[in-house]
Protein backbone atom coordinates (compact mmCIF):
# COMPACT_ATOMS: atom_id res chain seq x y z
CA MET A 1 -10.54 52.30 11.67
CA SER A 2 -12.63 49.17 11.52
CA GLU A 3 -12.46 46.43 14.11
CA PRO A 4 -10.28 43.45 13.08
CA ARG A 5 -12.35 40.32 12.42
CA ALA A 6 -10.70 38.28 15.22
CA VAL A 7 -11.36 41.05 17.75
CA ARG A 8 -14.96 41.40 16.57
CA ILE A 9 -15.60 37.67 16.91
CA LYS A 10 -14.10 37.66 20.40
CA ARG A 11 -16.26 40.66 21.41
CA LEU A 12 -19.42 39.05 20.04
CA ARG A 13 -18.65 35.79 21.82
CA MET A 14 -18.16 37.62 25.12
CA ARG A 15 -21.46 39.47 24.63
CA SER A 16 -23.12 36.12 23.94
CA MET A 17 -21.82 34.75 27.25
CA ARG A 18 -22.93 37.62 29.47
CA ARG A 19 -26.52 38.33 28.58
CA GLY A 20 -28.39 38.69 31.83
CA ILE A 21 -30.52 35.58 31.89
CA LYS A 22 -28.71 32.27 32.17
CA GLU A 23 -30.78 30.54 29.49
CA MET A 24 -29.73 33.07 26.86
CA ASP A 25 -26.11 32.90 28.05
CA LEU A 26 -26.11 29.15 27.39
CA ILE A 27 -28.01 29.27 24.12
CA LEU A 28 -26.05 32.14 22.56
CA THR A 29 -22.67 30.88 23.77
CA ALA A 30 -23.30 27.51 22.12
CA PHE A 31 -24.40 29.25 18.91
CA ALA A 32 -21.42 31.63 18.95
CA ASP A 33 -18.98 28.75 19.46
CA ARG A 34 -20.43 26.87 16.49
CA GLN A 35 -21.09 29.70 14.06
CA LEU A 36 -19.20 32.97 14.55
CA ALA A 37 -15.94 31.95 12.88
CA ASP A 38 -17.77 30.94 9.68
CA MET A 39 -20.09 33.96 9.43
CA SER A 40 -19.80 36.56 6.69
CA GLU A 41 -19.40 40.20 7.63
CA ALA A 42 -23.10 40.78 6.90
CA GLU A 43 -24.05 37.90 9.20
CA LEU A 44 -21.79 39.29 11.91
CA ASP A 45 -23.56 42.65 11.50
CA THR A 46 -26.92 40.93 11.97
CA TYR A 47 -25.71 38.99 15.01
CA ASP A 48 -24.29 42.20 16.50
CA ALA A 49 -27.71 43.83 16.06
CA LEU A 50 -29.41 40.75 17.52
CA LEU A 51 -27.32 41.05 20.67
CA GLU A 52 -28.78 44.52 21.21
CA GLU A 53 -32.23 43.00 21.65
CA ASN A 54 -33.86 42.31 25.02
CA ASP A 55 -33.20 38.84 26.46
CA GLN A 56 -36.89 38.20 27.12
CA ASP A 57 -37.69 38.89 23.46
CA LEU A 58 -34.75 36.78 22.27
CA TYR A 59 -35.82 33.86 24.44
CA GLN A 60 -39.38 34.00 23.11
CA TRP A 61 -38.13 34.13 19.51
CA VAL A 62 -35.68 31.25 19.97
CA THR A 63 -38.22 29.04 21.71
CA GLY A 64 -40.95 29.83 19.18
CA GLN A 65 -43.23 31.61 21.66
CA SER A 66 -43.36 34.66 19.41
CA ALA A 67 -42.24 35.60 15.92
CA ALA A 68 -38.87 37.26 15.41
CA PRO A 69 -38.55 40.46 13.36
CA ASP A 70 -37.84 39.83 9.67
CA LEU A 71 -34.20 40.90 10.03
CA PHE A 72 -33.54 38.09 12.50
CA VAL A 73 -35.80 35.25 11.27
CA SER A 74 -33.08 33.23 9.56
CA MET A 75 -30.56 33.68 12.36
CA ILE A 76 -33.13 32.84 15.04
CA ALA A 77 -33.90 29.62 13.12
CA ASP A 78 -30.16 28.76 13.21
CA ILE A 79 -29.99 29.55 16.93
CA SER A 80 -33.06 27.39 17.56
CA GLN A 81 -31.37 24.49 15.73
CA THR A 82 -28.33 24.92 17.96
CA LEU A 83 -30.64 24.81 20.98
CA GLN A 84 -32.20 21.57 19.74
CA LYS A 85 -28.75 20.00 19.29
CA GLN A 86 -27.90 20.84 22.91
CA ARG A 87 -30.89 18.92 24.28
């Protein structure tokens, strides 16, 4: 049985909030609050996969210190825009 959409969004939001490094908690929580409800199932799949990545790598991708893998390039750009709006 597949996970209901509302449950999946709640799970992804919670995983965004409890990352390990505070910077990524703040960045991903802001992104999740703004974007998760409007994402397609494919985008949710990509975000779920993104949350499996190491926080140090994610932080470098989001801040432009290193290039993100092709699968995540578009989503990282969206997350980076969310970061810029927070500042």
